[in-house]
Amino acid sequence: MIKKSISASGGENVRIDKFLANQILNMTRTQIKKLFLEGLVQVNKSFVKPGSILKGNEIITFSIPEIDQKFEHIEPEDISLDILFEDESIIAINKPSGLVVHPGAGHKQGTLVNGLIYHFQQLSDINGPIRSGIVHRLDKDTSGVILIAKSNVVHRSLAYQFEKRTIKKEYFGITWGKWKDSKGVMSGNIHRKRTDPTSYEINNKGREAITEYNILKSGEYLSEVLFLPKTGRTHQIRVHSAENNNPIFGDKKYGGGKNKAKGYIPEVSKKFTEAILDFNRHALHAKKITFIHPDKDDELSIDAPITKDILKLQKQLKIINE
């Protein structure tokens, strides 16, 4: 992130989003609005709405993703892609864990986008070259199905479905602990942490987030869960699960890593620690997505098989869990 502070001098009686649009010349109004939605703009150290009117004597602090400032050309790379579905409009990729979706700070190469522009001649460019074809994202260590748009028309159609929450998503996860109920709904607005811009938390100032869940298997220490997110906030499932005291197994950012394993008797703690180190990511997989095909107007479901590393993890944990 590039963090800057500027004076609002000259912005008296002006909306802050309009004021910033004149100050940050290489960003569109849409991109600036996104900064507000992600909690990256503060006025006198307080979060504000994009329509807030300035008095002209404030100090405005904002953070801009570094990649948006630097990248105009993305280098094509011959990255192997597991294609689950492809036609003239859409590509569905089975993203492996460890693969970053698009270039960003610390990940200038070796991303899904680098592979996409190598393998495909036509991709949507609504969000610029660093997000060619990208309609939605998965976290680096989350595996599973991700949709790619070949044209801007298709991109807009899919984005509209995401916005209206008509796209159905299913995630498989392994979490710590037993859940109180066999199924239910987790809700809580999600906001970027002020102390760590790479993490999120439940905060009433954040954006609405809703996750339904069904417990598939419950054990002594761990549970297998089907998550059905109704919104698509960053780290949503991980944050909601952690808030429910059932963090995703292996998710060190949200309390599901090695430190969680230390809370058990030594022999159990040792086995959990070994499994976490061997697995080396969080146990979350985007297993299915269902949507209306933009061109054919038919419902289409695409499944991504559970990954080999999760299947191996299930076997490792089964003996401990039972």
Foldseek 3Di string as FASTA:
>chain_A
DDKDKDFLAVQAFHQQLVSVCVVPVLDDSVQSQVQLQQQFKDWQNHRDHRRDGDRRGIMIMGDDFPCSVDDQDAAADQDDWAWQDDDPWKTKTFFAAQAFAFDGVVPRDRHVLSPCVNPDVFFAAPPHSRQTQALAGDPRGATEIGMGTRYPLQSVVVNVCQVVLVKKWKKKFKWWDDAPDQKDKFKAFKHQDPVDNVDIEGDPVHHIWMKIKGWPDAFPTMTIIIIITSHRDVCRVQRRCLVSVIHFALAVVSPRRLVVLVVDPPVSSVLSNVLSVVLVGTGMYGAKMWDQRSPPRHIDMTGDDRDPSNVVSCVSCVVVRD
